[in-house]
Amino acid sequence: MRTSLNEIKAIDDHLLKLSPPDEALLFEAKLIINPALREEVILQKQTLGLVVCYGRNALKTEIEAVHQKLFCQPEHSRFRQKIMRLFGKR
């Protein structure tokens, strides 16, 4: 299992461009000679893309919830008025 975790970290470092140049070059060479590693990189890249997309959507949902709370609930009307004055046309 430890080897697998090390491989996952190496792939992540490669995909996120966190590896030093010498390690990056060695990893590129491993990709050329190891088709299974190449497949793992493809799968991990897809997974990373899904995680980023999920995080972006979760952040949008959270921002919308804050917006709804601050700009739609009556108890925050003073705050809403202050913001509208700040950013309103002059």
PDB file of N, CA and C in Angstrom:
ATOM      1  N   MET A   1       0.828  -1.198   0.000  1.00  0.00           N
ATOM      2  CA  MET A   1       0.000   0.000   0.000  1.00  0.00           C
ATOM      3  C   MET A   1       0.870   1.258   0.000  1.00  0.00           C
ATOM      4  N   ARG A   2       1.979   1.229   0.674  1.00  0.00           N
ATOM      5  CA  ARG A   2       2.835   2.402   0.761  1.00  0.00           C
ATOM      6  C   ARG A   2       3.337   2.800  -0.624  1.00  0.00           C
ATOM      7  N   THR A   3       3.687   1.820  -1.445  1.00  0.00           N
ATOM      8  CA  THR A   3       4.139   2.125  -2.803  1.00  0.00           C
ATOM      9  C   THR A   3       3.042   2.833  -3.573  1.00  0.00           C
ATOM     10  N   SER A   4       1.820   2.381  -3.395  1.00  0.00           N
ATOM     11  CA  SER A   4       0.694   3.003  -4.081  1.00  0.00           C
ATOM     12  C   SER A   4       0.530   4.463  -3.673  1.00  0.00           C
ATOM     13  N   LEU A   5       0.665   4.741  -2.396  1.00  0.00           N
ATOM     14  CA  LEU A   5       0.554   6.123  -1.929  1.00  0.00           C
ATOM     15  C   LEU A   5       1.683   6.987  -2.477  1.00  0.00           C
ATOM     16  N   ASN A   6       2.875   6.422  -2.536  1.00  0.00           N
ATOM     17  CA  ASN A   6       3.999   7.158  -3.117  1.00  0.00           C
ATOM     18  C   ASN A   6       3.765   7.435  -4.594  1.00  0.00           C
ATOM     19  N   GLU A   7       3.190   6.452  -5.298  1.00  0.00           N
ATOM     20  CA  GLU A   7       2.899   6.635  -6.716  1.00  0.00           C
ATOM     21  C   GLU A   7       1.840   7.721  -6.917  1.00  0.00           C
ATOM     22  N   ILE A   8       0.814   7.711  -6.077  1.00  0.00           N
ATOM     23  CA  ILE A   8      -0.238   8.732  -6.162  1.00  0.00           C
ATOM     24  C   ILE A   8       0.356  10.114  -5.938  1.00  0.00           C
ATOM     25  N   LYS A   9       1.240  10.239  -4.941  1.00  0.00           N
ATOM     26  CA  LYS A   9       1.874  11.529  -4.679  1.00  0.00           C
ATOM     27  C   LYS A   9       2.734  11.966  -5.860  1.00  0.00           C
ATOM     28  N   ALA A  10       3.471  11.034  -6.434  1.00  0.00           N
ATOM     29  CA  ALA A  10       4.327  11.367  -7.586  1.00  0.00           C
ATOM     30  C   ALA A  10       3.476  11.834  -8.765  1.00  0.00           C
ATOM     31  N   ILE A  11       2.349  11.152  -8.984  1.00  0.00           N
ATOM     32  CA  ILE A  11       1.456  11.550 -10.083  1.00  0.00           C
ATOM     33  C   ILE A  11       0.864  12.928  -9.803  1.00  0.00           C
ATOM     34  N   ASP A  12       0.405  13.150  -8.578  1.00  0.00           N
ATOM     35  CA  ASP A  12      -0.132  14.465  -8.213  1.00  0.00           C
ATOM     36  C   ASP A  12       0.910  15.556  -8.411  1.00  0.00           C
ATOM     37  N   ASP A  13       2.111  15.317  -7.938  1.00  0.00           N
ATOM     38  CA  ASP A  13       3.185  16.306  -8.097  1.00  0.00           C
ATOM     39  C   ASP A  13       3.441  16.590  -9.577  1.00  0.00           C
ATOM     40  N   HIS A  14       3.378  15.543 -10.385  1.00  0.00           N
ATOM     41  CA  HIS A  14       3.582  15.718 -11.823  1.00  0.00           C
ATOM     42  C   HIS A  14       2.449  16.546 -12.428  1.00  0.00           C
ATOM     43  N   LEU A  15       1.202  16.182 -12.114  1.00  0.00           N
ATOM     44  CA  LEU A  15       0.054  16.879 -12.691  1.00  0.00           C
ATOM     45  C   LEU A  15      -0.029  18.339 -12.241  1.00  0.00           C
ATOM     46  N   LEU A  16       0.358  18.578 -10.999  1.00  0.00           N
ATOM     47  CA  LEU A  16       0.291  19.933 -10.449  1.00  0.00           C
ATOM     48  C   LEU A  16       1.597  20.707 -10.652  1.00  0.00           C
ATOM     49  N   LYS A  17       2.538  20.063 -11.334  1.00  0.00           N
ATOM     50  CA  LYS A  17       3.849  20.664 -11.641  1.00  0.00           C
ATOM     51  C   LYS A  17       4.582  21.129 -10.373  1.00  0.00           C
ATOM     52  N   LEU A  18       4.586  20.244  -9.372  1.00  0.00           N
ATOM     53  CA  LEU A  18       5.247  20.543  -8.105  1.00  0.00           C
ATOM     54  C   LEU A  18       6.624  19.869  -7.994  1.00  0.00           C
ATOM     55  N   SER A  19       6.930  18.990  -8.930  1.00  0.00           N
ATOM     56  CA  SER A  19       8.195  18.246  -8.866  1.00  0.00           C
ATOM     57  C   SER A  19       9.363  19.121  -9.295  1.00  0.00           C
ATOM     58  N   PRO A  20      10.521  18.915  -8.665  1.00  0.00           N
ATOM     59  CA  PRO A  20      11.736  19.585  -9.157  1.00  0.00           C
ATOM     60  C   PRO A  20      12.030  19.089 -10.575  1.00  0.00           C
ATOM     61  N   PRO A  21      12.754  19.859 -11.373  1.00  0.00           N
ATOM     62  CA  PRO A  21      13.000  19.492 -12.778  1.00  0.00           C
ATOM     63  C   PRO A  21      13.598  18.101 -12.974  1.00  0.00           C
ATOM     64  N   ASP A  22      14.533  17.713 -12.113  1.00  0.00           N
ATOM     65  CA  ASP A  22      15.149  16.392 -12.291  1.00  0.00           C
ATOM     66  C   ASP A  22      14.143  15.268 -12.047  1.00  0.00           C
ATOM     67  N   GLU A  23      13.299  15.406 -11.020  1.00  0.00           N
ATOM     68  CA  GLU A  23      12.284  14.390 -10.753  1.00  0.00           C
ATOM     69  C   GLU A  23      11.216  14.382 -11.842  1.00  0.00           C
ATOM     70  N   ALA A  24      10.885  15.554 -12.370  1.00  0.00           N
ATOM     71  CA  ALA A  24       9.899  15.634 -13.449  1.00  0.00           C
ATOM     72  C   ALA A  24      10.407  14.909 -14.692  1.00  0.00           C
ATOM     73  N   LEU A  25      11.672  15.086 -14.995  1.00  0.00           N
ATOM     74  CA  LEU A  25      12.269  14.424 -16.151  1.00  0.00           C
ATOM     75  C   LEU A  25      12.279  12.909 -15.962  1.00  0.00           C
ATOM     76  N   LEU A  26      12.622  12.448 -14.771  1.00  0.00           N
ATOM     77  CA  LEU A  26      12.614  11.019 -14.466  1.00  0.00           C
ATOM     78  C   LEU A  26      11.196  10.458 -14.580  1.00  0.00           C
ATOM     79  N   PHE A  27      10.206  11.205 -14.099  1.00  0.00           N
ATOM     80  CA  PHE A  27       8.825  10.752 -14.175  1.00  0.00           C
ATOM     81  C   PHE A  27       8.375  10.653 -15.629  1.00  0.00           C
ATOM     82  N   GLU A  28       8.752  11.623 -16.452  1.00  0.00           N
ATOM     83  CA  GLU A  28       8.414  11.582 -17.882  1.00  0.00           C
ATOM     84  C   GLU A  28       9.005  10.333 -18.536  1.00  0.00           C
ATOM     85  N   ALA A  29      10.223   9.979 -18.157  1.00  0.00           N
ATOM     86  CA  ALA A  29      10.852   8.769 -18.700  1.00  0.00           C
ATOM     87  C   ALA A  29      10.070   7.525 -18.268  1.00  0.00           C
ATOM     88  N   LYS A  30       9.633   7.487 -17.014  1.00  0.00           N
ATOM     89  CA  LYS A  30       8.833   6.355 -16.525  1.00  0.00           C
ATOM     90  C   LYS A  30       7.523   6.245 -17.297  1.00  0.00           C
ATOM     91  N   LEU A  31       6.939   7.382 -17.645  1.00  0.00           N
ATOM     92  CA  LEU A  31       5.693   7.372 -18.416  1.00  0.00           C
ATOM     93  C   LEU A  31       5.895   6.735 -19.790  1.00  0.00           C
ATOM     94  N   ILE A  32       7.043   6.967 -20.380  1.00  0.00           N
ATOM     95  CA  ILE A  32       7.330   6.431 -21.708  1.00  0.00           C
ATOM     96  C   ILE A  32       7.447   4.908 -21.672  1.00  0.00           C
ATOM     97  N   ILE A  33       8.089   4.391 -20.629  1.00  0.00           N
ATOM     98  CA  ILE A  33       8.351   2.942 -20.593  1.00  0.00           C
ATOM     99  C   ILE A  33       7.294   2.148 -19.830  1.00  0.00           C
ATOM    100  N   ASN A  34       6.363   2.824 -19.154  1.00  0.00           N
ATOM    101  CA  ASN A  34       5.388   2.110 -18.334  1.00  0.00           C
ATOM    102  C   ASN A  34       3.952   2.495 -18.726  1.00  0.00           C
ATOM    103  N   PRO A  35       3.313   1.705 -19.575  1.00  0.00           N
ATOM    104  CA  PRO A  35       1.947   2.024 -20.000  1.00  0.00           C
ATOM    105  C   PRO A  35       0.941   2.027 -18.846  1.00  0.00           C
ATOM    106  N   ALA A  36       1.154   1.188 -17.850  1.00  0.00           N
ATOM    107  CA  ALA A  36       0.238   1.151 -16.705  1.00  0.00           C
ATOM    108  C   ALA A  36       0.309   2.470 -15.927  1.00  0.00           C
ATOM    109  N   LEU A  37       1.505   3.010 -15.784  1.00  0.00           N
ATOM    110  CA  LEU A  37       1.660   4.296 -15.110  1.00  0.00           C
ATOM    111  C   LEU A  37       0.987   5.400 -15.918  1.00  0.00           C
ATOM    112  N   ARG A  38       1.149   5.322 -17.237  1.00  0.00           N
ATOM    113  CA  ARG A  38       0.516   6.309 -18.118  1.00  0.00           C
ATOM    114  C   ARG A  38      -1.010   6.294 -17.932  1.00  0.00           C
ATOM    115  N   GLU A  39      -1.583   5.097 -17.827  1.00  0.00           N
ATOM    116  CA  GLU A  39      -3.030   4.956 -17.602  1.00  0.00           C
ATOM    117  C   GLU A  39      -3.425   5.526 -16.238  1.00  0.00           C
ATOM    118  N   GLU A  40      -2.609   5.275 -15.215  1.00  0.00           N
ATOM    119  CA  GLU A  40      -2.881   5.818 -13.882  1.00  0.00           C
ATOM    120  C   GLU A  40      -2.877   7.351 -13.898  1.00  0.00           C
ATOM    121  N   VAL A  41      -1.956   7.938 -14.649  1.00  0.00           N
ATOM    122  CA  VAL A  41      -1.875   9.395 -14.762  1.00  0.00           C
ATOM    123  C   VAL A  41      -3.149   9.935 -15.413  1.00  0.00           C
ATOM    124  N   ILE A  42      -3.606   9.267 -16.465  1.00  0.00           N
ATOM    125  CA  ILE A  42      -4.833   9.704 -17.143  1.00  0.00           C
ATOM    126  C   ILE A  42      -6.019   9.656 -16.185  1.00  0.00           C
ATOM    127  N   LEU A  43      -6.140   8.552 -15.458  1.00  0.00           N
ATOM    128  CA  LEU A  43      -7.258   8.409 -14.515  1.00  0.00           C
ATOM    129  C   LEU A  43      -7.179   9.434 -13.383  1.00  0.00           C
ATOM    130  N   GLN A  44      -5.976   9.653 -12.872  1.00  0.00           N
ATOM    131  CA  GLN A  44      -5.823  10.609 -11.781  1.00  0.00           C
ATOM    132  C   GLN A  44      -6.079  12.038 -12.260  1.00  0.00           C
ATOM    133  N   LYS A  45      -5.709  12.341 -13.506  1.00  0.00           N
ATOM    134  CA  LYS A  45      -5.973  13.665 -14.068  1.00  0.00           C
ATOM    135  C   LYS A  45      -7.480  13.897 -14.182  1.00  0.00           C
ATOM    136  N   GLN A  46      -8.218  12.874 -14.609  1.00  0.00           N
ATOM    137  CA  GLN A  46      -9.672  12.975 -14.683  1.00  0.00           C
ATOM    138  C   GLN A  46     -10.272  13.175 -13.295  1.00  0.00           C
ATOM    139  N   THR A  47      -9.766  12.432 -12.328  1.00  0.00           N
ATOM    140  CA  THR A  47     -10.251  12.554 -10.953  1.00  0.00           C
ATOM    141  C   THR A  47      -9.978  13.941 -10.400  1.00  0.00           C
ATOM    142  N   LEU A  48      -8.786  14.460 -10.652  1.00  0.00           N
ATOM    143  CA  LEU A  48      -8.433  15.802 -10.197  1.00  0.00           C
ATOM    144  C   LEU A  48      -9.369  16.837 -10.823  1.00  0.00           C
ATOM    145  N   GLY A  49      -9.684  16.670 -12.096  1.00  0.00           N
ATOM    146  CA  GLY A  49     -10.614  17.573 -12.762  1.00  0.00           C
ATOM    147  C   GLY A  49     -11.993  17.551 -12.116  1.00  0.00           C
ATOM    148  N   LEU A  50     -12.456  16.364 -11.753  1.00  0.00           N
ATOM    149  CA  LEU A  50     -13.757  16.239 -11.084  1.00  0.00           C
ATOM    150  C   LEU A  50     -13.744  16.900  -9.708  1.00  0.00           C
ATOM    151  N   VAL A  51     -12.652  16.722  -8.982  1.00  0.00           N
ATOM    152  CA  VAL A  51     -12.536  17.329  -7.651  1.00  0.00           C
ATOM    153  C   VAL A  51     -12.545  18.851  -7.763  1.00  0.00           C
ATOM    154  N   VAL A  52     -11.817  19.390  -8.730  1.00  0.00           N
ATOM    155  CA  VAL A  52     -11.792  20.844  -8.937  1.00  0.00           C
ATOM    156  C   VAL A  52     -13.182  21.350  -9.299  1.00  0.00           C
ATOM    157  N   CYS A  53     -13.862  20.637 -10.187  1.00  0.00           N
ATOM    158  CA  CYS A  53     -15.212  21.029 -10.604  1.00  0.00           C
ATOM    159  C   CYS A  53     -16.174  20.978  -9.419  1.00  0.00           C
ATOM    160  N   TYR A  54     -16.088  19.929  -8.620  1.00  0.00           N
ATOM    161  CA  TYR A  54     -16.946  19.807  -7.441  1.00  0.00           C
ATOM    162  C   TYR A  54     -16.681  20.962  -6.471  1.00  0.00           C
ATOM    163  N   GLY A  55     -15.416  21.266  -6.239  1.00  0.00           N
ATOM    164  CA  GLY A  55     -15.061  22.362  -5.330  1.00  0.00           C
ATOM    165  C   GLY A  55     -15.579  23.700  -5.832  1.00  0.00           C
ATOM    166  N   ARG A  56     -15.466  23.926  -7.124  1.00  0.00           N
ATOM    167  CA  ARG A  56     -15.960  25.174  -7.726  1.00  0.00           C
ATOM    168  C   ARG A  56     -17.480  25.280  -7.555  1.00  0.00           C
ATOM    169  N   ASN A  57     -18.184  24.184  -7.811  1.00  0.00           N
ATOM    170  CA  ASN A  57     -19.638  24.189  -7.660  1.00  0.00           C
ATOM    171  C   ASN A  57     -20.053  24.374  -6.208  1.00  0.00           C
ATOM    172  N   ALA A  58     -19.319  23.742  -5.291  1.00  0.00           N
ATOM    173  CA  ALA A  58     -19.628  23.899  -3.868  1.00  0.00           C
ATOM    174  C   ALA A  58     -19.418  25.348  -3.430  1.00  0.00           C
ATOM    175  N   LEU A  59     -18.371  25.986  -3.930  1.00  0.00           N
ATOM    176  CA  LEU A  59     -18.103  27.381  -3.584  1.00  0.00           C
ATOM    177  C   LEU A  59     -19.200  28.292  -4.140  1.00  0.00           C
ATOM    178  N   LYS A  60     -19.617  28.040  -5.385  1.00  0.00           N
ATOM    179  CA  LYS A  60     -20.701  28.837  -5.964  1.00  0.00           C
ATOM    180  C   LYS A  60     -21.982  28.699  -5.141  1.00  0.00           C
ATOM    181  N   THR A  61     -22.281  27.484  -4.709  1.00  0.00           N
ATOM    182  CA  THR A  61     -23.470  27.238  -3.897  1.00  0.00           C
ATOM    183  C   THR A  61     -23.382  27.985  -2.572  1.00  0.00           C
ATOM    184  N   GLU A  62     -22.220  27.959  -1.949  1.00  0.00           N
ATOM    185  CA  GLU A  62     -22.024  28.650  -0.678  1.00  0.00           C
ATOM    186  C   GLU A  62     -22.152  30.167  -0.845  1.00  0.00           C
ATOM    187  N   ILE A  63     -21.574  30.702  -1.909  1.00  0.00           N
ATOM    188  CA  ILE A  63     -21.667  32.147  -2.168  1.00  0.00           C
ATOM    189  C   ILE A  63     -23.115  32.543  -2.411  1.00  0.00           C
ATOM    190  N   GLU A  64     -23.846  31.736  -3.156  1.00  0.00           N
ATOM    191  CA  GLU A  64     -25.256  32.033  -3.418  1.00  0.00           C
ATOM    192  C   GLU A  64     -26.072  31.996  -2.130  1.00  0.00           C
ATOM    193  N   ALA A  65     -25.774  31.060  -1.229  1.00  0.00           N
ATOM    194  CA  ALA A  65     -26.483  30.983   0.049  1.00  0.00           C
ATOM    195  C   ALA A  65     -26.230  32.240   0.884  1.00  0.00           C
ATOM    196  N   VAL A  66     -24.988  32.714   0.899  1.00  0.00           N
ATOM    197  CA  VAL A  66     -24.657  33.939   1.634  1.00  0.00           C
ATOM    198  C   VAL A  66     -25.369  35.131   1.000  1.00  0.00           C
ATOM    199  N   HIS A  67     -25.381  35.180  -0.316  1.00  0.00           N
ATOM    200  CA  HIS A  67     -26.067  36.259  -1.017  1.00  0.00           C
ATOM    201  C   HIS A  67     -27.550  36.266  -0.667  1.00  0.00           C
ATOM    202  N   GLN A  68     -28.175  35.100  -0.708  1.00  0.00           N
ATOM    203  CA  GLN A  68     -29.600  35.012  -0.383  1.00  0.00           C
ATOM    204  C   GLN A  68     -29.866  35.466   1.053  1.00  0.00           C
ATOM    205  N   LYS A  69     -28.989  35.082   1.951  1.00  0.00           N
ATOM    206  CA  LYS A  69     -29.178  35.454   3.355  1.00  0.00           C
ATOM    207  C   LYS A  69     -29.028  36.961   3.545  1.00  0.00           C
ATOM    208  N   LEU A  70     -28.006  37.551   2.958  1.00  0.00           N
ATOM    209  CA  LEU A  70     -27.724  38.966   3.191  1.00  0.00           C
ATOM    210  C   LEU A  70     -28.616  39.915   2.394  1.00  0.00           C
ATOM    211  N   PHE A  71     -29.073  39.490   1.232  1.00  0.00           N
ATOM    212  CA  PHE A  71     -29.807  40.410   0.383  1.00  0.00           C
ATOM    213  C   PHE A  71     -31.300  40.103   0.270  1.00  0.00           C
ATOM    214  N   CYS A  72     -31.748  39.018   0.846  1.00  0.00           N
ATOM    215  CA  CYS A  72     -33.170  38.673   0.710  1.00  0.00           C
ATOM    216  C   CYS A  72     -33.907  38.586   2.039  1.00  0.00           C
ATOM    217  N   GLN A  73     -33.203  38.419   3.129  1.00  0.00           N
ATOM    218  CA  GLN A  73     -33.886  38.301   4.415  1.00  0.00           C
ATOM    219  C   GLN A  73     -34.067  39.674   5.044  1.00  0.00           C
ATOM    220  N   PRO A  74     -35.256  39.931   5.581  1.00  0.00           N
ATOM    221  CA  PRO A  74     -35.572  41.263   6.102  1.00  0.00           C
ATOM    222  C   PRO A  74     -34.644  41.737   7.233  1.00  0.00           C
ATOM    223  N   GLU A  75     -34.140  40.838   8.034  1.00  0.00           N
ATOM    224  CA  GLU A  75     -33.290  41.259   9.166  1.00  0.00           C
ATOM    225  C   GLU A  75     -31.954  41.851   8.714  1.00  0.00           C
ATOM    226  N   HIS A  76     -31.628  41.702   7.451  1.00  0.00           N
ATOM    227  CA  HIS A  76     -30.374  42.254   6.927  1.00  0.00           C
ATOM    228  C   HIS A  76     -30.625  43.456   6.012  1.00  0.00           C
ATOM    229  N   SER A  77     -31.770  44.076   6.133  1.00  0.00           N
ATOM    230  CA  SER A  77     -32.121  45.171   5.221  1.00  0.00           C
ATOM    231  C   SER A  77     -31.182  46.376   5.373  1.00  0.00           C
ATOM    232  N   ARG A  78     -30.750  46.680   6.589  1.00  0.00           N
ATOM    233  CA  ARG A  78     -29.823  47.818   6.771  1.00  0.00           C
ATOM    234  C   ARG A  78     -28.494  47.565   6.066  1.00  0.00           C
ATOM    235  N   PHE A  79     -28.002  46.353   6.208  1.00  0.00           N
ATOM    236  CA  PHE A  79     -26.762  45.992   5.523  1.00  0.00           C
ATOM    237  C   PHE A  79     -26.945  46.130   4.013  1.00  0.00           C
ATOM    238  N   ARG A  80     -28.049  45.595   3.494  1.00  0.00           N
ATOM    239  CA  ARG A  80     -28.342  45.668   2.069  1.00  0.00           C
ATOM    240  C   ARG A  80     -28.384  47.120   1.593  1.00  0.00           C
ATOM    241  N   GLN A  81     -29.010  48.001   2.371  1.00  0.00           N
ATOM    242  CA  GLN A  81     -29.104  49.412   2.001  1.00  0.00           C
ATOM    243  C   GLN A  81     -27.721  50.066   1.968  1.00  0.00           C
ATOM    244  N   LYS A  82     -26.889  49.742   2.964  1.00  0.00           N
ATOM    245  CA  LYS A  82     -25.534  50.298   2.990  1.00  0.00           C
ATOM    246  C   LYS A  82     -24.736  49.867   1.760  1.00  0.00           C
ATOM    247  N   ILE A  83     -24.847  48.611   1.406  1.00  0.00           N
ATOM    248  CA  ILE A  83     -24.128  48.100   0.240  1.00  0.00           C
ATOM    249  C   ILE A  83     -24.640  48.766  -1.033  1.00  0.00           C
ATOM    250  N   MET A  84     -25.953  48.903  -1.144  1.00  0.00           N
ATOM    251  CA  MET A  84     -26.529  49.531  -2.340  1.00  0.00           C
ATOM    252  C   MET A  84     -26.090  50.995  -2.455  1.00  0.00           C
ATOM    253  N   ARG A  85     -25.981  51.678  -1.331  1.00  0.00           N
ATOM    254  CA  ARG A  85     -25.496  53.076  -1.354  1.00  0.00           C
ATOM    255  C   ARG A  85     -24.032  53.112  -1.773  1.00  0.00           C
ATOM    256  N   LEU A  86     -23.262  52.181  -1.270  1.00  0.00           N
ATOM    257  CA  LEU A  86     -21.835  52.123  -1.585  1.00  0.00           C
ATOM    258  C   LEU A  86     -21.620  51.913  -3.085  1.00  0.00           C
ATOM    259  N   PHE A  87     -22.369  51.008  -3.664  1.00  0.00           N
ATOM    260  CA  PHE A  87     -22.129  50.613  -5.060  1.00  0.00           C
ATOM    261  C   PHE A  87     -23.167  51.175  -6.023  1.00  0.00           C
ATOM    262  N   GLY A  88     -24.067  52.007  -5.525  1.00  0.00           N
ATOM    263  CA  GLY A  88     -25.087  52.588  -6.393  1.00  0.00           C
ATOM    264  C   GLY A  88     -24.511  53.645  -7.306  1.00  0.00           C
ATOM    265  N   LYS A  89     -25.264  54.002  -8.308  1.00  0.00           N
ATOM    266  CA  LYS A  89     -24.817  55.061  -9.246  1.00  0.00           C
ATOM    267  C   LYS A  89     -24.816  56.384  -8.523  1.00  0.00           C
ATOM    268  N   ARG A  90     -23.870  57.213  -8.867  1.00  0.00           N
ATOM    269  CA  ARG A  90     -23.753  58.528  -8.220  1.00  0.00           C
ATOM    270  C   ARG A  90     -24.109  59.611  -9.176  1.00  0.00           C
TER     271      ARG A  90
END
